[in-house]
Amino acid sequence: MSYEPDTLNIKSEYGVAAAIEAKRIAEKYGKDFLDCDDLVKIMGVGKNNIRQMLNCDSFPTTEIGNRKVVSVIAFTLWSLKQSQF
């Protein structure tokens, strides 16, 4: 598979931005997985909206026991993907 130079640069910048943001979030919250309460704080929306998001197939959750969580890097990549135009 070949990439045009501009496309490769965008993908590289996207990956670097995701890594930096994931590191910042992980350090701020002191963990590698985010739960509902963390996502409420980060996204500034209510728990009901976060719960709906956690149950959506397009959101990258992981189940730990009966809890749904999202890894910081998966959340960051998902968030960046949502903001693409």
PDB file of N, CA and C in Angstrom:
ATOM      1  N   MET A   1       0.844  -1.158   0.000  1.00  0.00           N
ATOM      2  CA  MET A   1       0.000   0.000   0.000  1.00  0.00           C
ATOM      3  C   MET A   1       0.898   1.232   0.000  1.00  0.00           C
ATOM      4  N   SER A   2       0.576   2.182  -0.859  1.00  0.00           N
ATOM      5  CA  SER A   2       1.370   3.401  -0.887  1.00  0.00           C
ATOM      6  C   SER A   2       0.520   4.583  -0.449  1.00  0.00           C
ATOM      7  N   TYR A   3       1.175   5.560   0.116  1.00  0.00           N
ATOM      8  CA  TYR A   3       0.510   6.761   0.601  1.00  0.00           C
ATOM      9  C   TYR A   3       1.090   7.976  -0.102  1.00  0.00           C
ATOM     10  N   GLU A   4       0.265   8.934  -0.355  1.00  0.00           N
ATOM     11  CA  GLU A   4       0.748  10.219  -0.831  1.00  0.00           C
ATOM     12  C   GLU A   4       1.480  10.873   0.345  1.00  0.00           C
ATOM     13  N   PRO A   5       2.503  11.658   0.096  1.00  0.00           N
ATOM     14  CA  PRO A   5       3.255  12.290   1.195  1.00  0.00           C
ATOM     15  C   PRO A   5       2.376  13.074   2.163  1.00  0.00           C
ATOM     16  N   ASP A   6       1.403  13.842   1.679  1.00  0.00           N
ATOM     17  CA  ASP A   6       0.542  14.618   2.571  1.00  0.00           C
ATOM     18  C   ASP A   6      -0.287  13.715   3.464  1.00  0.00           C
ATOM     19  N   THR A   7      -0.787  12.615   2.911  1.00  0.00           N
ATOM     20  CA  THR A   7      -1.592  11.676   3.692  1.00  0.00           C
ATOM     21  C   THR A   7      -0.748  11.047   4.788  1.00  0.00           C
ATOM     22  N   LEU A   8       0.470  10.677   4.478  1.00  0.00           N
ATOM     23  CA  LEU A   8       1.367  10.087   5.460  1.00  0.00           C
ATOM     24  C   LEU A   8       1.663  11.071   6.582  1.00  0.00           C
ATOM     25  N   ASN A   9       1.885  12.327   6.245  1.00  0.00           N
ATOM     26  CA  ASN A   9       2.149  13.343   7.264  1.00  0.00           C
ATOM     27  C   ASN A   9       0.937  13.529   8.174  1.00  0.00           C
ATOM     28  N   ILE A  10      -0.252  13.554   7.602  1.00  0.00           N
ATOM     29  CA  ILE A  10      -1.469  13.714   8.399  1.00  0.00           C
ATOM     30  C   ILE A  10      -1.622  12.534   9.350  1.00  0.00           C
ATOM     31  N   LYS A  11      -1.417  11.323   8.841  1.00  0.00           N
ATOM     32  CA  LYS A  11      -1.547  10.145   9.696  1.00  0.00           C
ATOM     33  C   LYS A  11      -0.493  10.157  10.799  1.00  0.00           C
ATOM     34  N   SER A  12       0.716  10.597  10.497  1.00  0.00           N
ATOM     35  CA  SER A  12       1.761  10.671  11.509  1.00  0.00           C
ATOM     36  C   SER A  12       1.421  11.711  12.563  1.00  0.00           C
ATOM     37  N   GLU A  13       0.935  12.876  12.121  1.00  0.00           N
ATOM     38  CA  GLU A  13       0.556  13.928  13.060  1.00  0.00           C
ATOM     39  C   GLU A  13      -0.609  13.476  13.926  1.00  0.00           C
ATOM     40  N   TYR A  14      -1.543  12.760  13.345  1.00  0.00           N
ATOM     41  CA  TYR A  14      -2.696  12.228  14.066  1.00  0.00           C
ATOM     42  C   TYR A  14      -2.233  11.281  15.172  1.00  0.00           C
ATOM     43  N   GLY A  15      -1.299  10.391  14.854  1.00  0.00           N
ATOM     44  CA  GLY A  15      -0.779   9.446  15.834  1.00  0.00           C
ATOM     45  C   GLY A  15      -0.016  10.135  16.949  1.00  0.00           C
ATOM     46  N   VAL A  16       0.778  11.125  16.604  1.00  0.00           N
ATOM     47  CA  VAL A  16       1.540  11.868  17.609  1.00  0.00           C
ATOM     48  C   VAL A  16       0.589  12.626  18.527  1.00  0.00           C
ATOM     49  N   ALA A  17      -0.410  13.275  17.945  1.00  0.00           N
ATOM     50  CA  ALA A  17      -1.392  14.020  18.743  1.00  0.00           C
ATOM     51  C   ALA A  17      -2.136  13.081  19.681  1.00  0.00           C
ATOM     52  N   ALA A  18      -2.514  11.907  19.195  1.00  0.00           N
ATOM     53  CA  ALA A  18      -3.226  10.928  20.023  1.00  0.00           C
ATOM     54  C   ALA A  18      -2.348  10.462  21.178  1.00  0.00           C
ATOM     55  N   ALA A  19      -1.085  10.195  20.907  1.00  0.00           N
ATOM     56  CA  ALA A  19      -0.171   9.733  21.958  1.00  0.00           C
ATOM     57  C   ALA A  19       0.043  10.796  23.027  1.00  0.00           C
ATOM     58  N   ILE A  20       0.213  12.028  22.608  1.00  0.00           N
ATOM     59  CA  ILE A  20       0.422  13.127  23.567  1.00  0.00           C
ATOM     60  C   ILE A  20      -0.824  13.322  24.427  1.00  0.00           C
ATOM     61  N   GLU A  21      -1.989  13.341  23.789  1.00  0.00           N
ATOM     62  CA  GLU A  21      -3.229  13.550  24.530  1.00  0.00           C
ATOM     63  C   GLU A  21      -3.513  12.367  25.464  1.00  0.00           C
ATOM     64  N   ALA A  22      -3.271  11.151  25.010  1.00  0.00           N
ATOM     65  CA  ALA A  22      -3.488   9.970  25.854  1.00  0.00           C
ATOM     66  C   ALA A  22      -2.578  10.019  27.082  1.00  0.00           C
ATOM     67  N   LYS A  23      -1.344  10.413  26.885  1.00  0.00           N
ATOM     68  CA  LYS A  23      -0.410  10.510  28.009  1.00  0.00           C
ATOM     69  C   LYS A  23      -0.883  11.569  29.003  1.00  0.00           C
ATOM     70  N   ARG A  24      -1.345  12.708  28.493  1.00  0.00           N
ATOM     71  CA  ARG A  24      -1.824  13.783  29.355  1.00  0.00           C
ATOM     72  C   ARG A  24      -3.017  13.326  30.191  1.00  0.00           C
ATOM     73  N   ILE A  25      -3.966  12.660  29.558  1.00  0.00           N
ATOM     74  CA  ILE A  25      -5.161  12.190  30.271  1.00  0.00           C
ATOM     75  C   ILE A  25      -4.788  11.127  31.297  1.00  0.00           C
ATOM     76  N   ALA A  26      -3.949  10.171  30.903  1.00  0.00           N
ATOM     77  CA  ALA A  26      -3.538   9.100  31.818  1.00  0.00           C
ATOM     78  C   ALA A  26      -2.835   9.668  33.048  1.00  0.00           C
ATOM     79  N   GLU A  27      -1.987  10.652  32.852  1.00  0.00           N
ATOM     80  CA  GLU A  27      -1.288  11.267  33.985  1.00  0.00           C
ATOM     81  C   GLU A  27      -2.248  12.074  34.855  1.00  0.00           C
ATOM     82  N   LYS A  28      -3.170  12.791  34.221  1.00  0.00           N
ATOM     83  CA  LYS A  28      -4.116  13.610  34.982  1.00  0.00           C
ATOM     84  C   LYS A  28      -5.006  12.752  35.870  1.00  0.00           C
ATOM     85  N   TYR A  29      -5.488  11.626  35.343  1.00  0.00           N
ATOM     86  CA  TYR A  29      -6.405  10.776  36.101  1.00  0.00           C
ATOM     87  C   TYR A  29      -5.694   9.639  36.825  1.00  0.00           C
ATOM     88  N   GLY A  30      -4.414   9.446  36.563  1.00  0.00           N
ATOM     89  CA  GLY A  30      -3.633   8.430  37.253  1.00  0.00           C
ATOM     90  C   GLY A  30      -4.042   7.008  36.936  1.00  0.00           C
ATOM     91  N   LYS A  31      -4.560   6.794  35.732  1.00  0.00           N
ATOM     92  CA  LYS A  31      -4.959   5.440  35.336  1.00  0.00           C
ATOM     93  C   LYS A  31      -4.980   5.305  33.825  1.00  0.00           C
ATOM     94  N   ASP A  32      -4.976   4.048  33.384  1.00  0.00           N
ATOM     95  CA  ASP A  32      -4.961   3.753  31.959  1.00  0.00           C
ATOM     96  C   ASP A  32      -6.344   3.463  31.394  1.00  0.00           C
ATOM     97  N   PHE A  33      -7.330   3.270  32.261  1.00  0.00           N
ATOM     98  CA  PHE A  33      -8.707   3.023  31.829  1.00  0.00           C
ATOM     99  C   PHE A  33      -9.619   4.045  32.483  1.00  0.00           C
ATOM    100  N   LEU A  34     -10.585   4.534  31.727  1.00  0.00           N
ATOM    101  CA  LEU A  34     -11.511   5.548  32.209  1.00  0.00           C
ATOM    102  C   LEU A  34     -12.885   4.923  32.435  1.00  0.00           C
ATOM    103  N   ASP A  35     -13.531   5.321  33.537  1.00  0.00           N
ATOM    104  CA  ASP A  35     -14.872   4.841  33.812  1.00  0.00           C
ATOM    105  C   ASP A  35     -15.883   5.951  33.537  1.00  0.00           C
ATOM    106  N   CYS A  36     -17.128   5.696  33.843  1.00  0.00           N
ATOM    107  CA  CYS A  36     -18.208   6.636  33.573  1.00  0.00           C
ATOM    108  C   CYS A  36     -17.940   7.998  34.207  1.00  0.00           C
ATOM    109  N   ASP A  37     -17.544   8.014  35.472  1.00  0.00           N
ATOM    110  CA  ASP A  37     -17.302   9.282  36.167  1.00  0.00           C
ATOM    111  C   ASP A  37     -16.176  10.088  35.528  1.00  0.00           C
ATOM    112  N   ASP A  38     -15.120   9.397  35.096  1.00  0.00           N
ATOM    113  CA  ASP A  38     -14.013  10.084  34.424  1.00  0.00           C
ATOM    114  C   ASP A  38     -14.492  10.713  33.120  1.00  0.00           C
ATOM    115  N   LEU A  39     -15.279   9.967  32.354  1.00  0.00           N
ATOM    116  CA  LEU A  39     -15.762  10.463  31.070  1.00  0.00           C
ATOM    117  C   LEU A  39     -16.717  11.642  31.242  1.00  0.00           C
ATOM    118  N   VAL A  40     -17.499  11.634  32.326  1.00  0.00           N
ATOM    119  CA  VAL A  40     -18.375  12.779  32.619  1.00  0.00           C
ATOM    120  C   VAL A  40     -17.523  14.036  32.788  1.00  0.00           C
ATOM    121  N   LYS A  41     -16.428  13.918  33.544  1.00  0.00           N
ATOM    122  CA  LYS A  41     -15.545  15.064  33.784  1.00  0.00           C
ATOM    123  C   LYS A  41     -14.858  15.525  32.497  1.00  0.00           C
ATOM    124  N   ILE A  42     -14.380  14.582  31.722  1.00  0.00           N
ATOM    125  CA  ILE A  42     -13.638  14.919  30.506  1.00  0.00           C
ATOM    126  C   ILE A  42     -14.544  15.537  29.448  1.00  0.00           C
ATOM    127  N   MET A  43     -15.705  14.937  29.256  1.00  0.00           N
ATOM    128  CA  MET A  43     -16.568  15.360  28.158  1.00  0.00           C
ATOM    129  C   MET A  43     -17.574  16.437  28.546  1.00  0.00           C
ATOM    130  N   GLY A  44     -17.805  16.600  29.833  1.00  0.00           N
ATOM    131  CA  GLY A  44     -18.724  17.637  30.274  1.00  0.00           C
ATOM    132  C   GLY A  44     -20.177  17.370  29.957  1.00  0.00           C
ATOM    133  N   VAL A  45     -20.550  16.099  29.904  1.00  0.00           N
ATOM    134  CA  VAL A  45     -21.946  15.721  29.671  1.00  0.00           C
ATOM    135  C   VAL A  45     -22.420  14.868  30.838  1.00  0.00           C
ATOM    136  N   GLY A  46     -23.708  14.615  30.897  1.00  0.00           N
ATOM    137  CA  GLY A  46     -24.273  13.864  32.003  1.00  0.00           C
ATOM    138  C   GLY A  46     -24.007  12.369  31.945  1.00  0.00           C
ATOM    139  N   LYS A  47     -24.240  11.731  33.097  1.00  0.00           N
ATOM    140  CA  LYS A  47     -24.003  10.282  33.197  1.00  0.00           C
ATOM    141  C   LYS A  47     -24.876   9.483  32.234  1.00  0.00           C
ATOM    142  N   ASN A  48     -26.115   9.912  32.027  1.00  0.00           N
ATOM    143  CA  ASN A  48     -26.980   9.172  31.109  1.00  0.00           C
ATOM    144  C   ASN A  48     -26.410   9.165  29.695  1.00  0.00           C
ATOM    145  N   ASN A  49     -25.880  10.299  29.260  1.00  0.00           N
ATOM    146  CA  ASN A  49     -25.256  10.351  27.932  1.00  0.00           C
ATOM    147  C   ASN A  49     -24.018   9.459  27.865  1.00  0.00           C
ATOM    148  N   ILE A  50     -23.225   9.469  28.917  1.00  0.00           N
ATOM    149  CA  ILE A  50     -22.024   8.619  28.944  1.00  0.00           C
ATOM    150  C   ILE A  50     -22.416   7.149  28.945  1.00  0.00           C
ATOM    151  N   ARG A  51     -23.420   6.786  29.720  1.00  0.00           N
ATOM    152  CA  ARG A  51     -23.865   5.386  29.742  1.00  0.00           C
ATOM    153  C   ARG A  51     -24.342   4.942  28.364  1.00  0.00           C
ATOM    154  N   GLN A  52     -25.071   5.801  27.663  1.00  0.00           N
ATOM    155  CA  GLN A  52     -25.500   5.468  26.296  1.00  0.00           C
ATOM    156  C   GLN A  52     -24.287   5.267  25.395  1.00  0.00           C
ATOM    157  N   MET A  53     -23.303   6.142  25.537  1.00  0.00           N
ATOM    158  CA  MET A  53     -22.094   6.035  24.736  1.00  0.00           C
ATOM    159  C   MET A  53     -21.350   4.731  25.042  1.00  0.00           C
ATOM    160  N   LEU A  54     -21.246   4.377  26.327  1.00  0.00           N
ATOM    161  CA  LEU A  54     -20.560   3.143  26.712  1.00  0.00           C
ATOM    162  C   LEU A  54     -21.256   1.905  26.165  1.00  0.00           C
ATOM    163  N   ASN A  55     -22.545   2.004  25.905  1.00  0.00           N
ATOM    164  CA  ASN A  55     -23.302   0.869  25.369  1.00  0.00           C
ATOM    165  C   ASN A  55     -23.402   0.869  23.854  1.00  0.00           C
ATOM    166  N   CYS A  56     -22.849   1.893  23.216  1.00  0.00           N
ATOM    167  CA  CYS A  56     -22.885   2.003  21.761  1.00  0.00           C
ATOM    168  C   CYS A  56     -21.793   1.113  21.148  1.00  0.00           C
ATOM    169  N   ASP A  57     -22.136   0.404  20.092  1.00  0.00           N
ATOM    170  CA  ASP A  57     -21.171  -0.501  19.451  1.00  0.00           C
ATOM    171  C   ASP A  57     -19.961   0.221  18.861  1.00  0.00           C
ATOM    172  N   SER A  58     -20.133   1.487  18.501  1.00  0.00           N
ATOM    173  CA  SER A  58     -19.023   2.217  17.877  1.00  0.00           C
ATOM    174  C   SER A  58     -18.054   2.818  18.901  1.00  0.00           C
ATOM    175  N   PHE A  59     -18.362   2.702  20.182  1.00  0.00           N
ATOM    176  CA  PHE A  59     -17.469   3.227  21.219  1.00  0.00           C
ATOM    177  C   PHE A  59     -16.613   2.087  21.754  1.00  0.00           C
ATOM    178  N   PRO A  60     -15.292   2.282  21.860  1.00  0.00           N
ATOM    179  CA  PRO A  60     -14.354   1.195  22.161  1.00  0.00           C
ATOM    180  C   PRO A  60     -14.266   0.802  23.643  1.00  0.00           C
ATOM    181  N   THR A  61     -15.295   0.167  24.157  1.00  0.00           N
ATOM    182  CA  THR A  61     -15.295  -0.206  25.572  1.00  0.00           C
ATOM    183  C   THR A  61     -14.652  -1.569  25.807  1.00  0.00           C
ATOM    184  N   THR A  62     -14.276  -1.768  27.047  1.00  0.00           N
ATOM    185  CA  THR A  62     -13.783  -3.043  27.548  1.00  0.00           C
ATOM    186  C   THR A  62     -14.584  -3.352  28.802  1.00  0.00           C
ATOM    187  N   GLU A  63     -14.987  -4.591  28.964  1.00  0.00           N
ATOM    188  CA  GLU A  63     -15.722  -4.966  30.174  1.00  0.00           C
ATOM    189  C   GLU A  63     -14.765  -5.551  31.196  1.00  0.00           C
ATOM    190  N   ILE A  64     -14.850  -5.039  32.403  1.00  0.00           N
ATOM    191  CA  ILE A  64     -14.096  -5.570  33.538  1.00  0.00           C
ATOM    192  C   ILE A  64     -15.145  -5.929  34.579  1.00  0.00           C
ATOM    193  N   GLY A  65     -15.389  -7.213  34.716  1.00  0.00           N
ATOM    194  CA  GLY A  65     -16.500  -7.655  35.553  1.00  0.00           C
ATOM    195  C   GLY A  65     -17.792  -7.185  34.918  1.00  0.00           C
ATOM    196  N   ASN A  66     -18.598  -6.463  35.676  1.00  0.00           N
ATOM    197  CA  ASN A  66     -19.838  -5.932  35.094  1.00  0.00           C
ATOM    198  C   ASN A  66     -19.714  -4.447  34.764  1.00  0.00           C
ATOM    199  N   ARG A  67     -18.495  -3.909  34.813  1.00  0.00           N
ATOM    200  CA  ARG A  67     -18.243  -2.497  34.501  1.00  0.00           C
ATOM    201  C   ARG A  67     -17.712  -2.343  33.089  1.00  0.00           C
ATOM    202  N   LYS A  68     -18.144  -1.283  32.431  1.00  0.00           N
ATOM    203  CA  LYS A  68     -17.597  -0.950  31.119  1.00  0.00           C
ATOM    204  C   LYS A  68     -16.652   0.229  31.296  1.00  0.00           C
ATOM    205  N   VAL A  69     -15.462   0.069  30.745  1.00  0.00           N
ATOM    206  CA  VAL A  69     -14.444   1.107  30.791  1.00  0.00           C
ATOM    207  C   VAL A  69     -13.858   1.257  29.388  1.00  0.00           C
ATOM    208  N   VAL A  70     -13.075   2.304  29.205  1.00  0.00           N
ATOM    209  CA  VAL A  70     -12.402   2.516  27.925  1.00  0.00           C
ATOM    210  C   VAL A  70     -10.947   2.854  28.216  1.00  0.00           C
ATOM    211  N   SER A  71     -10.039   2.277  27.435  1.00  0.00           N
ATOM    212  CA  SER A  71      -8.634   2.616  27.631  1.00  0.00           C
ATOM    213  C   SER A  71      -8.417   4.064  27.198  1.00  0.00           C
ATOM    214  N   VAL A  72      -7.462   4.707  27.813  1.00  0.00           N
ATOM    215  CA  VAL A  72      -7.192   6.111  27.513  1.00  0.00           C
ATOM    216  C   VAL A  72      -6.827   6.284  26.042  1.00  0.00           C
ATOM    217  N   ILE A  73      -6.002   5.400  25.512  1.00  0.00           N
ATOM    218  CA  ILE A  73      -5.593   5.544  24.112  1.00  0.00           C
ATOM    219  C   ILE A  73      -6.767   5.294  23.173  1.00  0.00           C
ATOM    220  N   ALA A  74      -7.608   4.304  23.470  1.00  0.00           N
ATOM    221  CA  ALA A  74      -8.784   4.047  22.625  1.00  0.00           C
ATOM    222  C   ALA A  74      -9.740   5.230  22.657  1.00  0.00           C
ATOM    223  N   PHE A  75      -9.943   5.814  23.846  1.00  0.00           N
ATOM    224  CA  PHE A  75     -10.806   6.980  23.958  1.00  0.00           C
ATOM    225  C   PHE A  75     -10.242   8.148  23.165  1.00  0.00           C
ATOM    226  N   THR A  76      -8.938   8.356  23.271  1.00  0.00           N
ATOM    227  CA  THR A  76      -8.299   9.470  22.571  1.00  0.00           C
ATOM    228  C   THR A  76      -8.421   9.307  21.060  1.00  0.00           C
ATOM    229  N   LEU A  77      -8.146   8.113  20.566  1.00  0.00           N
ATOM    230  CA  LEU A  77      -8.276   7.865  19.126  1.00  0.00           C
ATOM    231  C   LEU A  77      -9.714   8.038  18.666  1.00  0.00           C
ATOM    232  N   TRP A  78     -10.660   7.522  19.451  1.00  0.00           N
ATOM    233  CA  TRP A  78     -12.086   7.671  19.127  1.00  0.00           C
ATOM    234  C   TRP A  78     -12.461   9.146  19.082  1.00  0.00           C
ATOM    235  N   SER A  79     -12.015   9.887  20.078  1.00  0.00           N
ATOM    236  CA  SER A  79     -12.324  11.311  20.166  1.00  0.00           C
ATOM    237  C   SER A  79     -11.765  12.087  18.979  1.00  0.00           C
ATOM    238  N   LEU A  80     -10.537  11.810  18.615  1.00  0.00           N
ATOM    239  CA  LEU A  80      -9.933  12.478  17.457  1.00  0.00           C
ATOM    240  C   LEU A  80     -10.662  12.115  16.165  1.00  0.00           C
ATOM    241  N   LYS A  81     -11.054  10.869  16.054  1.00  0.00           N
ATOM    242  CA  LYS A  81     -11.787  10.423  14.858  1.00  0.00           C
ATOM    243  C   LYS A  81     -13.125  11.143  14.755  1.00  0.00           C
ATOM    244  N   GLN A  82     -13.798  11.369  15.886  1.00  0.00           N
ATOM    245  CA  GLN A  82     -15.091  12.049  15.903  1.00  0.00           C
ATOM    246  C   GLN A  82     -14.962  13.506  15.472  1.00  0.00           C
ATOM    247  N   SER A  83     -13.805  14.107  15.720  1.00  0.00           N
ATOM    248  CA  SER A  83     -13.637  15.524  15.432  1.00  0.00           C
ATOM    249  C   SER A  83     -13.068  15.787  14.040  1.00  0.00           C
ATOM    250  N   GLN A  84     -12.824  14.730  13.276  1.00  0.00           N
ATOM    251  CA  GLN A  84     -12.312  14.930  11.906  1.00  0.00           C
ATOM    252  C   GLN A  84     -13.389  15.561  11.041  1.00  0.00           C
ATOM    253  N   PHE A  85     -12.941  16.363  10.104  1.00  0.00           N
ATOM    254  CA  PHE A  85     -13.912  16.985   9.199  1.00  0.00           C
ATOM    255  C   PHE A  85     -13.554  16.708   7.777  1.00  0.00           C
TER     256      PHE A  85
END
